[in-house]
Amino acid sequence: MKAKPIRTSIDLPRDLHRRLREAAARKGCSARQLILAGIRRAVNDVTAVRPRRRLRLDPPIVHAAGRKPFDLNNEQIYRLIEFP
């Protein structure tokens, strides 16, 4: 079953609209086809943004069992953790 298209509208600056029509004429297609190709390309190129780095806890502040490996005060904790 073919998906039903959704109609939308955008306001383009006059100069950009003129250049769009010229580009479509040079490529031998309609402005609509050129716009759809650009949107498809933009949507397909999007990749998930990954954080630059993860918070490192070497040595760990809290063991997996939930017990503190040693007593730390706030100042010592802040020295152990790298904040961006």
N, C-alpha and C. Protein backbone atom coordinates (compact mmCIF):
# COMPACT_ATOMS: atom_id res chain seq x y z
N MET A 1 0.83 -1.17 0.00
CA MET A 1 0.00 0.00 0.00
C MET A 1 0.88 1.24 0.00
N LYS A 2 0.64 2.13 -0.91
CA LYS A 2 1.44 3.34 -1.04
C LYS A 2 1.04 4.35 0.04
N ALA A 3 2.04 4.96 0.66
CA ALA A 3 1.78 5.94 1.70
C ALA A 3 1.19 7.21 1.09
N LYS A 4 0.23 7.78 1.78
CA LYS A 4 -0.39 9.01 1.29
C LYS A 4 0.53 10.18 1.60
N PRO A 5 0.82 11.02 0.62
CA PRO A 5 1.72 12.16 0.87
C PRO A 5 1.06 13.20 1.77
N ILE A 6 1.89 13.96 2.46
CA ILE A 6 1.43 15.05 3.32
C ILE A 6 1.84 16.36 2.67
N ARG A 7 0.89 17.24 2.52
CA ARG A 7 1.18 18.54 1.92
C ARG A 7 1.68 19.49 2.99
N THR A 8 2.74 20.20 2.66
CA THR A 8 3.29 21.21 3.57
C THR A 8 3.72 22.40 2.74
N SER A 9 3.93 23.52 3.39
CA SER A 9 4.38 24.70 2.66
C SER A 9 5.49 25.38 3.44
N ILE A 10 6.37 26.04 2.70
CA ILE A 10 7.45 26.81 3.30
C ILE A 10 7.55 28.15 2.58
N ASP A 11 8.06 29.12 3.26
CA ASP A 11 8.30 30.43 2.65
C ASP A 11 9.77 30.53 2.31
N LEU A 12 10.05 30.73 1.02
CA LEU A 12 11.43 30.85 0.56
C LEU A 12 11.72 32.30 0.20
N PRO A 13 12.93 32.74 0.44
CA PRO A 13 13.30 34.06 -0.07
C PRO A 13 13.22 34.04 -1.59
N ARG A 14 12.86 35.16 -2.18
CA ARG A 14 12.64 35.25 -3.62
C ARG A 14 13.86 34.80 -4.41
N ASP A 15 15.05 35.22 -3.99
CA ASP A 15 16.28 34.86 -4.71
C ASP A 15 16.52 33.35 -4.66
N LEU A 16 16.29 32.74 -3.49
CA LEU A 16 16.49 31.30 -3.36
C LEU A 16 15.49 30.55 -4.23
N HIS A 17 14.26 31.00 -4.29
CA HIS A 17 13.25 30.36 -5.13
C HIS A 17 13.65 30.42 -6.60
N ARG A 18 14.16 31.56 -7.02
CA ARG A 18 14.61 31.71 -8.41
C ARG A 18 15.74 30.75 -8.71
N ARG A 19 16.72 30.67 -7.79
CA ARG A 19 17.86 29.76 -8.00
C ARG A 19 17.42 28.30 -7.98
N LEU A 20 16.43 27.97 -7.16
CA LEU A 20 15.87 26.61 -7.12
C LEU A 20 15.27 26.25 -8.47
N ARG A 21 14.47 27.14 -9.02
CA ARG A 21 13.84 26.88 -10.32
C ARG A 21 14.90 26.74 -11.41
N GLU A 22 15.94 27.58 -11.37
CA GLU A 22 17.01 27.49 -12.36
C GLU A 22 17.76 26.17 -12.24
N ALA A 23 18.06 25.76 -11.01
CA ALA A 23 18.78 24.49 -10.80
C ALA A 23 17.94 23.32 -11.29
N ALA A 24 16.66 23.35 -11.01
CA ALA A 24 15.77 22.27 -11.45
C ALA A 24 15.74 22.21 -12.98
N ALA A 25 15.68 23.38 -13.63
CA ALA A 25 15.66 23.41 -15.09
C ALA A 25 16.96 22.85 -15.66
N ARG A 26 18.09 23.20 -15.04
CA ARG A 26 19.39 22.68 -15.51
C ARG A 26 19.47 21.17 -15.36
N LYS A 27 18.88 20.62 -14.30
CA LYS A 27 18.92 19.17 -14.08
C LYS A 27 17.82 18.44 -14.83
N GLY A 28 16.89 19.19 -15.38
CA GLY A 28 15.82 18.55 -16.15
C GLY A 28 14.76 17.90 -15.26
N CYS A 29 14.51 18.48 -14.10
CA CYS A 29 13.50 17.95 -13.20
C CYS A 29 12.68 19.11 -12.63
N SER A 30 11.68 18.78 -11.84
CA SER A 30 10.87 19.83 -11.26
C SER A 30 11.52 20.32 -9.96
N ALA A 31 11.10 21.48 -9.51
CA ALA A 31 11.59 22.01 -8.24
C ALA A 31 11.20 21.06 -7.10
N ARG A 32 10.01 20.47 -7.20
CA ARG A 32 9.54 19.53 -6.18
C ARG A 32 10.49 18.34 -6.07
N GLN A 33 10.88 17.78 -7.21
CA GLN A 33 11.80 16.64 -7.20
C GLN A 33 13.14 17.02 -6.60
N LEU A 34 13.61 18.21 -6.91
CA LEU A 34 14.89 18.67 -6.37
C LEU A 34 14.80 18.85 -4.85
N ILE A 35 13.69 19.42 -4.38
CA ILE A 35 13.49 19.61 -2.94
C ILE A 35 13.42 18.27 -2.23
N LEU A 36 12.64 17.32 -2.78
CA LEU A 36 12.53 15.99 -2.16
C LEU A 36 13.88 15.28 -2.11
N ALA A 37 14.67 15.40 -3.15
CA ALA A 37 15.99 14.77 -3.16
C ALA A 37 16.87 15.38 -2.06
N GLY A 38 16.80 16.69 -1.90
CA GLY A 38 17.59 17.34 -0.85
C GLY A 38 17.15 16.93 0.53
N ILE A 39 15.84 16.81 0.74
CA ILE A 39 15.33 16.39 2.06
C ILE A 39 15.74 14.95 2.34
N ARG A 40 15.61 14.08 1.34
CA ARG A 40 16.02 12.67 1.54
C ARG A 40 17.50 12.58 1.90
N ARG A 41 18.32 13.34 1.19
CA ARG A 41 19.76 13.32 1.46
C ARG A 41 20.04 13.82 2.89
N ALA A 42 19.37 14.89 3.30
CA ALA A 42 19.58 15.44 4.64
C ALA A 42 19.13 14.47 5.73
N VAL A 43 18.01 13.80 5.51
CA VAL A 43 17.49 12.86 6.50
C VAL A 43 18.38 11.61 6.58
N ASN A 44 18.87 11.13 5.46
CA ASN A 44 19.71 9.93 5.45
C ASN A 44 21.09 10.18 6.02
N ASP A 45 21.58 11.41 5.94
CA ASP A 45 22.92 11.73 6.42
C ASP A 45 22.99 11.94 7.93
N VAL A 46 21.84 12.04 8.58
CA VAL A 46 21.84 12.29 10.01
C VAL A 46 22.31 11.05 10.75
N THR A 47 23.30 11.22 11.60
CA THR A 47 23.80 10.12 12.41
C THR A 47 23.59 10.47 13.88
N ALA A 48 23.55 9.46 14.70
CA ALA A 48 23.37 9.69 16.12
C ALA A 48 24.57 10.44 16.69
N VAL A 49 24.28 11.40 17.53
CA VAL A 49 25.35 12.18 18.15
C VAL A 49 25.78 11.45 19.41
N ARG A 50 27.05 11.12 19.45
CA ARG A 50 27.58 10.42 20.62
C ARG A 50 28.31 11.41 21.51
N PRO A 51 28.25 11.19 22.81
CA PRO A 51 29.00 12.08 23.70
C PRO A 51 30.49 11.97 23.41
N ARG A 52 31.20 13.06 23.62
CA ARG A 52 32.63 13.06 23.32
C ARG A 52 33.39 12.06 24.17
N ARG A 53 33.08 12.02 25.42
CA ARG A 53 33.75 11.04 26.29
C ARG A 53 32.84 10.73 27.46
N ARG A 54 33.10 9.61 28.05
CA ARG A 54 32.32 9.19 29.20
C ARG A 54 33.05 9.58 30.48
N LEU A 55 32.29 9.70 31.52
CA LEU A 55 32.84 10.00 32.83
C LEU A 55 33.66 8.80 33.29
N ARG A 56 34.91 9.06 33.62
CA ARG A 56 35.79 7.98 34.07
C ARG A 56 35.84 7.95 35.58
N LEU A 57 35.72 6.78 36.13
CA LEU A 57 35.78 6.61 37.58
C LEU A 57 36.89 5.61 37.91
N ASP A 58 38.13 6.02 37.70
CA ASP A 58 39.28 5.18 38.04
C ASP A 58 40.00 5.82 39.20
N PRO A 59 40.08 5.30 40.34
CA PRO A 59 39.41 4.10 40.81
C PRO A 59 37.93 4.38 41.06
N PRO A 60 37.09 3.33 41.08
CA PRO A 60 35.67 3.56 41.32
C PRO A 60 35.42 4.14 42.71
N ILE A 61 34.48 5.04 42.80
CA ILE A 61 34.15 5.63 44.09
C ILE A 61 33.29 4.67 44.90
N VAL A 62 32.38 3.98 44.23
CA VAL A 62 31.50 3.03 44.91
C VAL A 62 31.64 1.68 44.22
N HIS A 63 31.91 0.64 44.99
CA HIS A 63 32.00 -0.71 44.44
C HIS A 63 30.65 -1.17 43.92
N ALA A 64 30.65 -2.20 43.09
CA ALA A 64 29.41 -2.74 42.56
C ALA A 64 28.50 -3.24 43.67
N ALA A 65 29.08 -3.68 44.78
CA ALA A 65 28.29 -4.17 45.91
C ALA A 65 27.64 -3.02 46.67
N GLY A 66 28.01 -1.78 46.35
CA GLY A 66 27.39 -0.64 46.99
C GLY A 66 28.16 -0.12 48.20
N ARG A 67 29.31 -0.70 48.48
CA ARG A 67 30.11 -0.23 49.62
C ARG A 67 31.20 0.70 49.13
N LYS A 68 31.54 1.68 49.91
CA LYS A 68 32.62 2.58 49.56
C LYS A 68 33.95 1.85 49.69
N PRO A 69 34.86 1.96 48.72
CA PRO A 69 36.15 1.30 48.84
C PRO A 69 37.01 1.97 49.92
N PHE A 70 36.79 3.25 50.11
CA PHE A 70 37.50 3.98 51.15
C PHE A 70 36.73 5.27 51.41
N ASP A 71 36.99 5.87 52.53
CA ASP A 71 36.28 7.10 52.87
C ASP A 71 36.85 8.28 52.10
N LEU A 72 35.99 9.02 51.44
CA LEU A 72 36.39 10.20 50.69
C LEU A 72 35.55 11.39 51.12
N ASN A 73 36.18 12.53 51.16
CA ASN A 73 35.40 13.74 51.37
C ASN A 73 35.10 14.36 50.00
N ASN A 74 34.29 15.40 49.97
CA ASN A 74 33.89 16.00 48.70
C ASN A 74 35.08 16.51 47.90
N GLU A 75 36.04 17.10 48.56
CA GLU A 75 37.20 17.64 47.86
C GLU A 75 37.97 16.53 47.14
N GLN A 76 38.13 15.39 47.78
CA GLN A 76 38.84 14.27 47.16
C GLN A 76 38.04 13.71 45.99
N ILE A 77 36.74 13.67 46.12
CA ILE A 77 35.88 13.19 45.03
C ILE A 77 36.02 14.08 43.81
N TYR A 78 35.98 15.40 44.02
CA TYR A 78 36.09 16.34 42.89
C TYR A 78 37.46 16.23 42.21
N ARG A 79 38.49 15.89 42.94
CA ARG A 79 39.82 15.72 42.32
C ARG A 79 39.86 14.44 41.47
N LEU A 80 39.10 13.41 41.87
CA LEU A 80 39.10 12.15 41.15
C LEU A 80 38.28 12.19 39.86
N ILE A 81 37.23 13.01 39.83
CA ILE A 81 36.33 13.06 38.69
C ILE A 81 36.71 14.22 37.79
N GLU A 82 36.88 13.94 36.49
CA GLU A 82 37.15 14.98 35.51
C GLU A 82 35.83 15.56 35.03
N PHE A 83 35.62 16.82 35.27
CA PHE A 83 34.42 17.49 34.78
C PHE A 83 34.73 18.20 33.48
N PRO A 84 33.80 18.13 32.50
CA PRO A 84 34.06 18.78 31.20
C PRO A 84 34.10 20.29 31.31
